[in-house]
């Protein structure tokens, strides 16, 4: 990026996220096929739902303000 190498930590984090997303997708497709959906329908349903889940998270971040959401996950907010 900008003629600078991307740090290994960043590459590993992105790769970890990608692998987790693909595993979640495959697990969802497998679960949907177990309940009787054909493979293309199961894949489409899970891919769409995962995308909506991510978009829902981003919508909440935008509506609740990012600092409010960060506060929910901050350990100091839950100590008292």
PDB file of N, CA and C in Angstrom:
ATOM      1  N   UNK A   1       0.846  -1.166   0.000  1.00  0.00           N
ATOM      2  CA  UNK A   1       0.000   0.000   0.000  1.00  0.00           C
ATOM      3  C   UNK A   1       0.895   1.234   0.000  1.00  0.00           C
ATOM      4  N   UNK A   2       0.686   2.119  -0.920  1.00  0.00           N
ATOM      5  CA  UNK A   2       1.482   3.335  -1.056  1.00  0.00           C
ATOM      6  C   UNK A   2       2.969   3.007  -1.116  1.00  0.00           C
ATOM      7  N   UNK A   3       3.281   1.957  -1.863  1.00  0.00           N
ATOM      8  CA  UNK A   3       4.664   1.504  -2.054  1.00  0.00           C
ATOM      9  C   UNK A   3       5.311   1.013  -0.767  1.00  0.00           C
ATOM     10  N   UNK A   4       4.501   0.645   0.217  1.00  0.00           N
ATOM     11  CA  UNK A   4       4.993   0.078   1.470  1.00  0.00           C
ATOM     12  C   UNK A   4       4.448  -1.341   1.596  1.00  0.00           C
ATOM     13  N   UNK A   5       5.255  -2.273   2.077  1.00  0.00           N
ATOM     14  CA  UNK A   5       4.732  -3.638   2.257  1.00  0.00           C
ATOM     15  C   UNK A   5       3.680  -3.675   3.366  1.00  0.00           C
ATOM     16  N   UNK A   6       2.687  -4.499   3.161  1.00  0.00           N
ATOM     17  CA  UNK A   6       1.641  -4.673   4.170  1.00  0.00           C
ATOM     18  C   UNK A   6       2.213  -5.546   5.295  1.00  0.00           C
ATOM     19  N   UNK A   7       2.057  -5.130   6.548  1.00  0.00           N
ATOM     20  CA  UNK A   7       2.596  -5.930   7.654  1.00  0.00           C
ATOM     21  C   UNK A   7       1.991  -7.337   7.681  1.00  0.00           C
ATOM     22  N   UNK A   8       2.804  -8.296   8.090  1.00  0.00           N
ATOM     23  CA  UNK A   8       2.339  -9.690   8.158  1.00  0.00           C
ATOM     24  C   UNK A   8       1.121  -9.850   9.039  1.00  0.00           C
ATOM     25  N   UNK A   9       1.076  -9.118  10.127  1.00  0.00           N
ATOM     26  CA  UNK A   9      -0.063  -9.209  11.047  1.00  0.00           C
ATOM     27  C   UNK A   9      -1.367  -8.851  10.343  1.00  0.00           C
ATOM     28  N   UNK A  10      -1.332  -7.830   9.511  1.00  0.00           N
ATOM     29  CA  UNK A  10      -2.527  -7.416   8.770  1.00  0.00           C
ATOM     30  C   UNK A  10      -2.921  -8.502   7.779  1.00  0.00           C
ATOM     31  N   UNK A  11      -1.942  -9.059   7.087  1.00  0.00           N
ATOM     32  CA  UNK A  11      -2.228 -10.122   6.118  1.00  0.00           C
ATOM     33  C   UNK A  11      -2.852 -11.325   6.827  1.00  0.00           C
ATOM     34  N   UNK A  12      -2.301 -11.714   7.982  1.00  0.00           N
ATOM     35  CA  UNK A  12      -2.844 -12.852   8.718  1.00  0.00           C
ATOM     36  C   UNK A  12      -4.250 -12.573   9.245  1.00  0.00           C
ATOM     37  N   UNK A  13      -4.503 -11.341   9.683  1.00  0.00           N
ATOM     38  CA  UNK A  13      -5.849 -10.993  10.158  1.00  0.00           C
ATOM     39  C   UNK A  13      -6.873 -11.069   9.034  1.00  0.00           C
ATOM     40  N   UNK A  14      -6.525 -10.548   7.876  1.00  0.00           N
ATOM     41  CA  UNK A  14      -7.439 -10.591   6.728  1.00  0.00           C
ATOM     42  C   UNK A  14      -7.653 -12.041   6.282  1.00  0.00           C
ATOM     43  N   UNK A  15      -6.585 -12.810   6.243  1.00  0.00           N
ATOM     44  CA  UNK A  15      -6.696 -14.212   5.865  1.00  0.00           C
ATOM     45  C   UNK A  15      -7.552 -14.990   6.868  1.00  0.00           C
ATOM     46  N   UNK A  16      -7.372 -14.722   8.149  1.00  0.00           N
ATOM     47  CA  UNK A  16      -8.185 -15.372   9.177  1.00  0.00           C
ATOM     48  C   UNK A  16      -9.667 -15.045   9.026  1.00  0.00           C
ATOM     49  N   UNK A  17      -9.969 -13.776   8.765  1.00  0.00           N
ATOM     50  CA  UNK A  17     -11.357 -13.373   8.554  1.00  0.00           C
ATOM     51  C   UNK A  17     -11.931 -14.090   7.335  1.00  0.00           C
ATOM     52  N   UNK A  18     -11.180 -14.127   6.239  1.00  0.00           N
ATOM     53  CA  UNK A  18     -11.643 -14.769   5.011  1.00  0.00           C
ATOM     54  C   UNK A  18     -11.904 -16.256   5.239  1.00  0.00           C
ATOM     55  N   UNK A  19     -10.983 -16.936   5.910  1.00  0.00           N
ATOM     56  CA  UNK A  19     -11.155 -18.371   6.181  1.00  0.00           C
ATOM     57  C   UNK A  19     -12.368 -18.606   7.071  1.00  0.00           C
ATOM     58  N   UNK A  20     -12.542 -17.772   8.109  1.00  0.00           N
ATOM     59  CA  UNK A  20     -13.701 -17.902   8.991  1.00  0.00           C
ATOM     60  C   UNK A  20     -14.997 -17.707   8.213  1.00  0.00           C
ATOM     61  N   UNK A  21     -15.028 -16.712   7.329  1.00  0.00           N
ATOM     62  CA  UNK A  21     -16.224 -16.441   6.535  1.00  0.00           C
ATOM     63  C   UNK A  21     -16.553 -17.632   5.632  1.00  0.00           C
ATOM     64  N   UNK A  22     -15.548 -18.192   4.970  1.00  0.00           N
ATOM     65  CA  UNK A  22     -15.769 -19.331   4.072  1.00  0.00           C
ATOM     66  C   UNK A  22     -16.231 -20.557   4.864  1.00  0.00           C
ATOM     67  N   UNK A  23     -15.608 -20.810   6.019  1.00  0.00           N
ATOM     68  CA  UNK A  23     -16.038 -21.945   6.854  1.00  0.00           C
ATOM     69  C   UNK A  23     -17.472 -21.772   7.334  1.00  0.00           C
ATOM     70  N   UNK A  24     -17.818 -20.566   7.719  1.00  0.00           N
ATOM     71  CA  UNK A  24     -19.193 -20.293   8.137  1.00  0.00           C
ATOM     72  C   UNK A  24     -20.164 -20.493   6.983  1.00  0.00           C
ATOM     73  N   UNK A  25     -19.763 -20.083   5.792  1.00  0.00           N
ATOM     74  CA  UNK A  25     -20.586 -20.279   4.605  1.00  0.00           C
ATOM     75  C   UNK A  25     -20.789 -21.770   4.328  1.00  0.00           C
ATOM     76  N   UNK A  26     -19.707 -22.538   4.371  1.00  0.00           N
ATOM     77  CA  UNK A  26     -19.815 -23.974   4.113  1.00  0.00           C
ATOM     78  C   UNK A  26     -20.647 -24.687   5.173  1.00  0.00           C
ATOM     79  N   UNK A  27     -20.468 -24.300   6.425  1.00  0.00           N
ATOM     80  CA  UNK A  27     -21.259 -24.885   7.500  1.00  0.00           C
ATOM     81  C   UNK A  27     -22.750 -24.582   7.314  1.00  0.00           C
ATOM     82  N   UNK A  28     -23.045 -23.350   6.925  1.00  0.00           N
ATOM     83  CA  UNK A  28     -24.435 -22.972   6.686  1.00  0.00           C
ATOM     84  C   UNK A  28     -25.038 -23.715   5.510  1.00  0.00           C
ATOM     85  N   UNK A  29     -24.275 -23.865   4.434  1.00  0.00           N
ATOM     86  CA  UNK A  29     -24.766 -24.606   3.263  1.00  0.00           C
ATOM     87  C   UNK A  29     -25.027 -26.060   3.642  1.00  0.00           C
ATOM     88  N   UNK A  30     -24.126 -26.644   4.412  1.00  0.00           N
ATOM     89  CA  UNK A  30     -24.314 -28.026   4.867  1.00  0.00           C
ATOM     90  C   UNK A  30     -25.574 -28.148   5.722  1.00  0.00           C
ATOM     91  N   UNK A  31     -25.762 -27.221   6.645  1.00  0.00           N
ATOM     92  CA  UNK A  31     -26.946 -27.263   7.516  1.00  0.00           C
ATOM     93  C   UNK A  31     -28.234 -27.103   6.709  1.00  0.00           C
ATOM     94  N   UNK A  32     -28.229 -26.191   5.747  1.00  0.00           N
ATOM     95  CA  UNK A  32     -29.432 -25.978   4.939  1.00  0.00           C
ATOM     96  C   UNK A  32     -29.712 -27.177   4.041  1.00  0.00           C
ATOM     97  N   UNK A  33     -28.659 -27.841   3.565  1.00  0.00           N
ATOM     98  CA  UNK A  33     -28.885 -29.020   2.726  1.00  0.00           C
ATOM     99  C   UNK A  33     -29.414 -30.183   3.559  1.00  0.00           C
ATOM    100  N   UNK A  34     -29.068 -30.213   4.840  1.00  0.00           N
ATOM    101  CA  UNK A  34     -29.606 -31.259   5.719  1.00  0.00           C
ATOM    102  C   UNK A  34     -31.112 -31.131   5.919  1.00  0.00           C
ATOM    103  N   UNK A  35     -31.622 -29.904   5.848  1.00  0.00           N
ATOM    104  CA  UNK A  35     -33.067 -29.736   6.037  1.00  0.00           C
ATOM    105  C   UNK A  35     -33.842 -29.818   4.727  1.00  0.00           C
ATOM    106  N   UNK A  36     -33.128 -30.159   3.630  1.00  0.00           N
ATOM    107  CA  UNK A  36     -33.840 -30.467   2.405  1.00  0.00           C
ATOM    108  C   UNK A  36     -33.671 -29.515   1.244  1.00  0.00           C
ATOM    109  N   UNK A  37     -32.917 -28.433   1.380  1.00  0.00           N
ATOM    110  CA  UNK A  37     -32.708 -27.532   0.249  1.00  0.00           C
ATOM    111  C   UNK A  37     -31.695 -28.138  -0.711  1.00  0.00           C
ATOM    112  N   UNK A  38     -31.915 -27.888  -2.002  1.00  0.00           N
ATOM    113  CA  UNK A  38     -30.907 -28.320  -2.973  1.00  0.00           C
ATOM    114  C   UNK A  38     -29.691 -27.418  -2.833  1.00  0.00           C
ATOM    115  N   UNK A  39     -28.547 -27.872  -3.327  1.00  0.00           N
ATOM    116  CA  UNK A  39     -27.278 -27.192  -3.096  1.00  0.00           C
ATOM    117  C   UNK A  39     -27.250 -25.741  -3.604  1.00  0.00           C
ATOM    118  N   UNK A  40     -27.703 -25.448  -4.833  1.00  0.00           N
ATOM    119  CA  UNK A  40     -27.680 -24.046  -5.276  1.00  0.00           C
ATOM    120  C   UNK A  40     -28.565 -23.142  -4.415  1.00  0.00           C
ATOM    121  N   UNK A  41     -29.731 -23.632  -4.019  1.00  0.00           N
ATOM    122  CA  UNK A  41     -30.615 -22.827  -3.167  1.00  0.00           C
ATOM    123  C   UNK A  41     -30.013 -22.616  -1.792  1.00  0.00           C
ATOM    124  N   UNK A  42     -29.404 -23.666  -1.238  1.00  0.00           N
ATOM    125  CA  UNK A  42     -28.772 -23.554   0.080  1.00  0.00           C
ATOM    126  C   UNK A  42     -27.619 -22.555   0.028  1.00  0.00           C
ATOM    127  N   UNK A  43     -26.789 -22.635  -1.016  1.00  0.00           N
ATOM    128  CA  UNK A  43     -25.670 -21.712  -1.143  1.00  0.00           C
ATOM    129  C   UNK A  43     -26.163 -20.271  -1.277  1.00  0.00           C
ATOM    130  N   UNK A  44     -27.160 -20.057  -2.125  1.00  0.00           N
ATOM    131  CA  UNK A  44     -27.699 -18.711  -2.310  1.00  0.00           C
ATOM    132  C   UNK A  44     -28.307 -18.150  -1.040  1.00  0.00           C
ATOM    133  N   UNK A  45     -29.056 -18.986  -0.322  1.00  0.00           N
ATOM    134  CA  UNK A  45     -29.694 -18.528   0.913  1.00  0.00           C
ATOM    135  C   UNK A  45     -28.656 -18.158   1.969  1.00  0.00           C
ATOM    136  N   UNK A  46     -27.655 -19.002   2.130  1.00  0.00           N
ATOM    137  CA  UNK A  46     -26.641 -18.735   3.151  1.00  0.00           C
ATOM    138  C   UNK A  46     -25.784 -17.537   2.770  1.00  0.00           C
ATOM    139  N   UNK A  47     -25.387 -17.432   1.517  1.00  0.00           N
ATOM    140  CA  UNK A  47     -24.571 -16.292   1.078  1.00  0.00           C
ATOM    141  C   UNK A  47     -25.328 -14.981   1.267  1.00  0.00           C
ATOM    142  N   UNK A  48     -26.601 -14.980   0.925  1.00  0.00           N
ATOM    143  CA  UNK A  48     -27.409 -13.776   1.094  1.00  0.00           C
ATOM    144  C   UNK A  48     -27.574 -13.434   2.563  1.00  0.00           C
ATOM    145  N   UNK A  49     -27.830 -14.427   3.377  1.00  0.00           N
ATOM    146  CA  UNK A  49     -28.034 -14.185   4.799  1.00  0.00           C
ATOM    147  C   UNK A  49     -26.758 -13.701   5.469  1.00  0.00           C
ATOM    148  N   UNK A  50     -25.616 -14.282   5.116  1.00  0.00           N
ATOM    149  CA  UNK A  50     -24.352 -13.800   5.681  1.00  0.00           C
ATOM    150  C   UNK A  50     -24.114 -12.358   5.281  1.00  0.00           C
ATOM    151  N   UNK A  51     -24.402 -12.036   4.046  1.00  0.00           N
ATOM    152  CA  UNK A  51     -24.244 -10.654   3.604  1.00  0.00           C
ATOM    153  C   UNK A  51     -25.171  -9.720   4.347  1.00  0.00           C
ATOM    154  N   UNK A  52     -26.416 -10.149   4.554  1.00  0.00           N
ATOM    155  CA  UNK A  52     -27.360  -9.312   5.303  1.00  0.00           C
ATOM    156  C   UNK A  52     -26.916  -9.162   6.746  1.00  0.00           C
ATOM    157  N   UNK A  53     -26.333 -10.244   7.324  1.00  0.00           N
ATOM    158  CA  UNK A  53     -25.864 -10.179   8.701  1.00  0.00           C
ATOM    159  C   UNK A  53     -24.780  -9.124   8.834  1.00  0.00           C
ATOM    160  N   UNK A  54     -23.865  -9.126   7.882  1.00  0.00           N
ATOM    161  CA  UNK A  54     -22.804  -8.123   7.909  1.00  0.00           C
ATOM    162  C   UNK A  54     -23.371  -6.724   7.695  1.00  0.00           C
ATOM    163  N   UNK A  55     -24.305  -6.604   6.780  1.00  0.00           N
ATOM    164  CA  UNK A  55     -24.911  -5.296   6.548  1.00  0.00           C
ATOM    165  C   UNK A  55     -25.713  -4.837   7.751  1.00  0.00           C
ATOM    166  N   UNK A  56     -26.347  -5.769   8.456  1.00  0.00           N
ATOM    167  CA  UNK A  56     -27.072  -5.423   9.667  1.00  0.00           C
ATOM    168  C   UNK A  56     -26.116  -4.888  10.728  1.00  0.00           C
ATOM    169  N   UNK A  57     -24.958  -5.524  10.868  1.00  0.00           N
ATOM    170  CA  UNK A  57     -23.961  -5.042  11.809  1.00  0.00           C
ATOM    171  C   UNK A  57     -23.523  -3.627  11.448  1.00  0.00           C
ATOM    172  N   UNK A  58     -23.267  -3.385  10.176  1.00  0.00           N
ATOM    173  CA  UNK A  58     -22.847  -2.048   9.763  1.00  0.00           C
ATOM    174  C   UNK A  58     -23.958  -1.024   9.955  1.00  0.00           C
ATOM    175  N   UNK A  59     -25.198  -1.432   9.740  1.00  0.00           N
ATOM    176  CA  UNK A  59     -26.315  -0.530   9.967  1.00  0.00           C
ATOM    177  C   UNK A  59     -26.393  -0.141  11.441  1.00  0.00           C
ATOM    178  N   UNK A  60     -26.234  -1.142  12.326  1.00  0.00           N
ATOM    179  CA  UNK A  60     -26.259  -0.841  13.756  1.00  0.00           C
ATOM    180  C   UNK A  60     -25.128   0.100  14.146  1.00  0.00           C
ATOM    181  N   UNK A  61     -23.950  -0.139  13.586  1.00  0.00           N
ATOM    182  CA  UNK A  61     -22.829   0.755  13.875  1.00  0.00           C
ATOM    183  C   UNK A  61     -23.140   2.181  13.441  1.00  0.00           C
ATOM    184  N   UNK A  62     -23.785   2.318  12.296  1.00  0.00           N
ATOM    185  CA  UNK A  62     -24.123   3.646  11.801  1.00  0.00           C
ATOM    186  C   UNK A  62     -25.243   4.306  12.586  1.00  0.00           C
ATOM    187  N   UNK A  63     -26.242   3.535  12.988  1.00  0.00           N
ATOM    188  CA  UNK A  63     -27.388   4.099  13.698  1.00  0.00           C
ATOM    189  C   UNK A  63     -27.092   4.373  15.168  1.00  0.00           C
ATOM    190  N   UNK A  64     -26.338   3.495  15.796  1.00  0.00           N
ATOM    191  CA  UNK A  64     -26.060   3.638  17.221  1.00  0.00           C
ATOM    192  C   UNK A  64     -24.834   4.490  17.501  1.00  0.00           C
ATOM    193  N   UNK A  65     -24.160   4.877  16.460  1.00  0.00           N
ATOM    194  CA  UNK A  65     -22.891   5.568  16.557  1.00  0.00           C
ATOM    195  C   UNK A  65     -21.814   4.567  16.971  1.00  0.00           C
ATOM    196  N   UNK A  66     -20.720   4.657  16.337  1.00  0.00           N
ATOM    197  CA  UNK A  66     -19.646   3.690  16.513  1.00  0.00           C
ATOM    198  C   UNK A  66     -19.139   3.687  17.951  1.00  0.00           C
ATOM    199  N   UNK A  67     -19.035   4.842  18.588  1.00  0.00           N
ATOM    200  CA  UNK A  67     -18.497   4.888  19.948  1.00  0.00           C
ATOM    201  C   UNK A  67     -19.414   4.199  20.956  1.00  0.00           C
ATOM    202  N   UNK A  68     -20.707   4.232  20.724  1.00  0.00           N
ATOM    203  CA  UNK A  68     -21.637   3.526  21.607  1.00  0.00           C
ATOM    204  C   UNK A  68     -21.415   2.029  21.524  1.00  0.00           C
ATOM    205  N   UNK A  69     -21.251   1.518  20.320  1.00  0.00           N
ATOM    206  CA  UNK A  69     -21.025   0.085  20.130  1.00  0.00           C
ATOM    207  C   UNK A  69     -19.676  -0.317  20.712  1.00  0.00           C
ATOM    208  N   UNK A  70     -18.659   0.505  20.510  1.00  0.00           N
ATOM    209  CA  UNK A  70     -17.348   0.218  21.094  1.00  0.00           C
ATOM    210  C   UNK A  70     -17.465   0.186  22.613  1.00  0.00           C
ATOM    211  N   UNK A  71     -18.248   1.088  23.176  1.00  0.00           N
ATOM    212  CA  UNK A  71     -18.460   1.105  24.624  1.00  0.00           C
ATOM    213  C   UNK A  71     -19.104  -0.161  25.139  1.00  0.00           C
ATOM    214  N   UNK A  72     -19.973  -0.758  24.343  1.00  0.00           N
ATOM    215  CA  UNK A  72     -20.605  -2.014  24.760  1.00  0.00           C
ATOM    216  C   UNK A  72     -19.593  -3.137  24.910  1.00  0.00           C
ATOM    217  N   UNK A  73     -18.556  -3.116  24.097  1.00  0.00           N
ATOM    218  CA  UNK A  73     -17.562  -4.184  24.115  1.00  0.00           C
ATOM    219  C   UNK A  73     -16.316  -3.839  24.934  1.00  0.00           C
ATOM    220  N   UNK A  74     -16.288  -2.654  25.500  1.00  0.00           N
ATOM    221  CA  UNK A  74     -15.133  -2.256  26.311  1.00  0.00           C
ATOM    222  C   UNK A  74     -15.237  -2.909  27.690  1.00  0.00           C
ATOM    223  N   UNK A  75     -14.187  -3.564  28.159  1.00  0.00           N
ATOM    224  CA  UNK A  75     -14.241  -4.222  29.472  1.00  0.00           C
ATOM    225  C   UNK A  75     -14.500  -3.249  30.622  1.00  0.00           C
ATOM    226  N   UNK A  76     -14.023  -2.018  30.511  1.00  0.00           N
ATOM    227  CA  UNK A  76     -14.231  -1.055  31.586  1.00  0.00           C
ATOM    228  C   UNK A  76     -15.708  -0.703  31.787  1.00  0.00           C
ATOM    229  N   UNK A  77     -16.507  -0.804  30.750  1.00  0.00           N
ATOM    230  CA  UNK A  77     -17.925  -0.476  30.858  1.00  0.00           C
ATOM    231  C   UNK A  77     -18.676  -1.502  31.700  1.00  0.00           C
ATOM    232  N   UNK A  78     -18.181  -2.712  31.825  1.00  0.00           N
ATOM    233  CA  UNK A  78     -18.889  -3.774  32.524  1.00  0.00           C
ATOM    234  C   UNK A  78     -18.339  -4.061  33.920  1.00  0.00           C
ATOM    235  N   UNK A  79     -17.298  -3.360  34.324  1.00  0.00           N
ATOM    236  CA  UNK A  79     -16.664  -3.657  35.612  1.00  0.00           C
ATOM    237  C   UNK A  79     -17.421  -3.116  36.801  1.00  0.00           C
ATOM    238  N   UNK A  80     -18.121  -2.011  36.678  1.00  0.00           N
ATOM    239  CA  UNK A  80     -18.780  -1.410  37.843  1.00  0.00           C
ATOM    240  C   UNK A  80     -20.151  -1.935  38.039  1.00  0.00           C
TER     241      UNK A  80
END
